[in-house]
Amino acid sequence: MKKILDTLFKAIEILIAFFLAVMIILVFMNVVFRYLFSRGFAWSEEIARLCFIYLVYLGSIGAMRDNRHLLIDSVLNRVPVFGQKLIYVLVQGCIIWLMVILTQGSWGLVIQNLHDNWVATKFPTFLVYTSGLITGIAIGIIALANLFRLIILEMSVSELITIRDDHDTDQAVDAQ
């Protein structure tokens, strides 16, 4: 199961890199064409915007998995173990609650914009809001998995808030 998840998150990283490359190429191309020919491509702005939106939202999923979001652990380090667990459960509960709100709001916007299209590309506008739907579901599942690891697998809070590093993961795989 871990190998499948690692492959999935590797695919997300590749997708993020692809969106970044497409965005850079399109914006650069548009700047050059506007400078040289006084005309740009309206469609390139729409595609670059969509790439940027997905880049940010998919990056948030990866950051949640690797514990790279902003975390102030100075309070956690000063309370007893039970307090650490309680704070961690509250934080993960808030994350789940916020992701439910994000998912419901995104779903409403997807439904509301089902029949609308962008002007230049004719892409459906609900693609923008689908990113919130994907992010809300994915981060909610990650937060539930964090609670599972804390409560069922009895991992310590310090283990759960440790920032994952790809280099550390590769070394652990090599050791097996």
Protein backbone atom coordinates (compact mmCIF):
# COMPACT_ATOMS: atom_id res chain seq x y z
CA MET A 1 0.00 0.00 0.00
CA LYS A 2 2.85 2.38 0.85
CA LYS A 3 4.41 1.78 -2.55
CA ILE A 4 1.12 2.63 -4.29
CA LEU A 5 0.78 5.86 -2.29
CA ASP A 6 4.40 6.81 -2.96
CA THR A 7 3.81 6.23 -6.68
CA LEU A 8 0.65 8.33 -6.56
CA PHE A 9 2.40 11.22 -4.85
CA LYS A 10 5.33 10.93 -7.26
CA ALA A 11 2.80 11.25 -10.10
CA ILE A 12 1.41 14.37 -8.41
CA GLU A 13 4.91 15.84 -8.25
CA ILE A 14 5.42 15.10 -11.95
CA LEU A 15 2.07 16.71 -12.73
CA ILE A 16 3.08 19.80 -10.74
CA ALA A 17 6.34 20.02 -12.70
CA PHE A 18 4.40 19.64 -15.96
CA PHE A 19 1.97 22.43 -15.01
CA LEU A 20 4.89 24.68 -14.05
CA ALA A 21 6.68 24.02 -17.35
CA VAL A 22 3.54 24.66 -19.40
CA MET A 23 2.84 27.84 -17.47
CA ILE A 24 6.39 29.17 -17.94
CA ILE A 25 6.45 28.33 -21.65
CA LEU A 26 3.05 29.91 -22.34
CA VAL A 27 3.74 33.09 -20.39
CA PHE A 28 7.18 33.48 -21.98
CA MET A 29 5.76 32.83 -25.44
CA ASN A 30 3.03 35.38 -24.85
CA VAL A 31 5.52 38.03 -23.71
CA VAL A 32 7.72 37.45 -26.76
CA PHE A 33 4.79 37.63 -29.17
CA ARG A 34 3.45 40.80 -27.56
CA TYR A 35 6.88 42.42 -27.72
CA LEU A 36 7.73 41.37 -31.28
CA PHE A 37 4.30 41.40 -32.94
CA SER A 38 2.19 43.52 -30.56
CA ARG A 39 -0.21 40.60 -30.27
CA GLY A 40 -0.51 37.83 -27.74
CA PHE A 41 -2.57 34.73 -27.40
CA ALA A 42 -5.62 35.08 -25.16
CA TRP A 43 -5.88 31.31 -24.85
CA SER A 44 -2.39 31.08 -23.36
CA GLU A 45 -3.43 33.25 -20.41
CA GLU A 46 -6.38 30.99 -19.65
CA ILE A 47 -4.29 27.82 -19.82
CA ALA A 48 -1.49 29.37 -17.74
CA ARG A 49 -4.06 30.44 -15.13
CA LEU A 50 -5.48 26.91 -14.96
CA CYS A 51 -1.97 25.45 -14.67
CA PHE A 52 -1.15 27.86 -11.84
CA ILE A 53 -4.34 26.99 -9.95
CA TYR A 54 -3.66 23.25 -10.16
CA LEU A 55 0.01 23.76 -9.35
CA VAL A 56 -0.91 25.50 -6.08
CA TYR A 57 -3.67 23.09 -5.07
CA LEU A 58 -1.70 19.94 -5.89
CA GLY A 59 1.29 21.45 -4.10
CA SER A 60 -0.90 21.86 -1.02
CA ILE A 61 -1.73 18.16 -1.10
CA GLY A 62 1.95 17.26 -1.30
CA ALA A 63 2.82 19.70 1.48
CA MET A 64 0.14 18.18 3.73
CA ARG A 65 1.48 14.69 3.15
CA ASP A 66 5.07 15.72 3.87
CA ASN A 67 4.17 17.98 6.84
CA ARG A 68 5.63 20.99 5.10
CA HIS A 69 2.76 23.35 5.93
CA LEU A 70 3.37 26.03 8.52
CA LEU A 71 3.57 24.43 11.95
CA ILE A 72 4.52 26.15 15.16
CA ASP A 73 5.60 23.27 17.34
CA SER A 74 7.02 25.32 20.21
CA VAL A 75 3.75 24.85 22.15
CA LEU A 76 3.62 21.13 21.35
CA ASN A 77 7.13 20.60 22.66
CA ARG A 78 6.28 22.20 26.04
CA VAL A 79 3.17 20.24 26.96
CA PRO A 80 2.95 16.68 28.24
CA VAL A 81 2.33 13.77 25.85
CA PHE A 82 -1.44 13.72 26.50
CA GLY A 83 -1.61 17.46 25.73
CA GLN A 84 0.37 16.93 22.53
CA LYS A 85 -2.06 14.26 21.41
CA LEU A 86 -5.07 16.41 22.30
CA ILE A 87 -3.72 19.41 20.38
CA TYR A 88 -2.84 17.21 17.40
CA VAL A 89 -6.33 15.69 17.34
CA LEU A 90 -7.88 19.18 17.52
CA VAL A 91 -5.69 20.46 14.69
CA GLN A 92 -6.44 17.45 12.47
CA GLY A 93 -10.14 17.80 13.32
CA CYS A 94 -10.07 21.47 12.26
CA ILE A 95 -8.32 20.49 9.04
CA ILE A 96 -10.96 17.86 8.30
CA TRP A 97 -13.75 20.34 9.06
CA LEU A 98 -12.21 22.99 6.79
CA MET A 99 -11.71 20.45 4.00
CA VAL A 100 -15.37 19.42 4.26
CA ILE A 101 -16.30 23.11 3.85
CA LEU A 102 -13.88 23.45 0.91
CA THR A 103 -15.23 20.29 -0.73
CA GLN A 104 -18.87 21.31 -0.31
CA GLY A 105 -18.20 24.82 -1.61
CA SER A 106 -16.19 23.54 -4.56
CA TRP A 107 -18.86 20.98 -5.40
CA GLY A 108 -21.49 23.72 -5.39
CA LEU A 109 -19.37 25.84 -7.72
CA VAL A 110 -18.72 22.89 -10.02
CA ILE A 111 -22.46 22.27 -10.33
CA GLN A 112 -23.18 25.98 -10.73
CA ASN A 113 -20.65 26.34 -13.57
CA LEU A 114 -21.29 23.09 -15.42
CA HIS A 115 -22.49 24.81 -18.57
CA ASP A 116 -20.15 27.84 -18.59
CA ASN A 117 -17.03 28.01 -20.76
CA TRP A 118 -14.03 30.28 -20.88
CA VAL A 119 -14.01 32.79 -23.70
CA ALA A 120 -10.79 31.99 -25.55
CA THR A 121 -10.27 28.26 -25.01
CA LYS A 122 -13.88 27.19 -24.57
CA PHE A 123 -12.71 25.03 -21.65
CA PRO A 124 -15.43 24.47 -19.05
CA THR A 125 -15.04 26.85 -16.11
CA PHE A 126 -15.83 24.10 -13.61
CA LEU A 127 -12.25 22.85 -14.12
CA VAL A 128 -11.10 25.68 -11.85
CA TYR A 129 -13.38 24.58 -9.02
CA THR A 130 -12.57 20.91 -9.47
CA SER A 131 -9.14 21.68 -8.05
CA GLY A 132 -10.74 22.65 -4.74
CA LEU A 133 -12.79 19.48 -4.79
CA ILE A 134 -9.70 17.31 -5.35
CA THR A 135 -7.71 19.17 -2.70
CA GLY A 136 -10.46 19.05 -0.09
CA ILE A 137 -10.94 15.32 -0.48
CA ALA A 138 -7.21 14.52 -0.59
CA ILE A 139 -6.21 16.64 2.41
CA GLY A 140 -9.21 15.37 4.36
CA ILE A 141 -8.10 11.79 3.73
CA ILE A 142 -4.53 12.63 4.75
CA ALA A 143 -5.79 14.20 8.00
CA LEU A 144 -7.93 11.11 8.70
CA ALA A 145 -4.86 8.95 8.07
CA ASN A 146 -2.90 11.10 10.51
CA LEU A 147 -5.56 10.51 13.17
CA PHE A 148 -5.49 6.78 12.39
CA ARG A 149 -1.72 6.70 12.84
CA LEU A 150 -1.98 8.60 16.13
CA ILE A 151 -4.87 6.68 17.68
CA ILE A 152 -4.76 3.18 16.19
CA LEU A 153 -1.07 2.77 15.35
CA GLU A 154 -0.11 4.75 18.48
CA MET A 155 2.58 6.79 16.80
CA SER A 156 3.96 9.72 18.77
CA VAL A 157 3.11 13.29 17.84
CA SER A 158 6.78 14.05 17.26
CA GLU A 159 6.89 11.26 14.64
CA LEU A 160 3.76 12.58 12.97
CA ILE A 161 4.94 16.19 12.71
CA THR A 162 8.40 15.32 11.44
CA ILE A 163 8.96 16.73 7.98
CA ARG A 164 9.33 13.96 5.44
CA ASP A 165 12.25 14.23 3.11
CA ASP A 166 12.50 12.37 -0.20
CA HIS A 167 16.15 11.64 0.55
CA ASP A 168 15.20 9.97 3.86
CA THR A 169 12.53 7.91 2.13
CA ASP A 170 14.99 6.74 -0.52
CA GLN A 171 17.50 5.72 2.15
CA ALA A 172 14.83 3.75 4.03
CA VAL A 173 13.88 1.91 0.84
CA ASP A 174 17.53 1.16 0.08
CA ALA A 175 18.02 -0.24 3.59
CA GLN A 176 15.24 -2.79 3.01
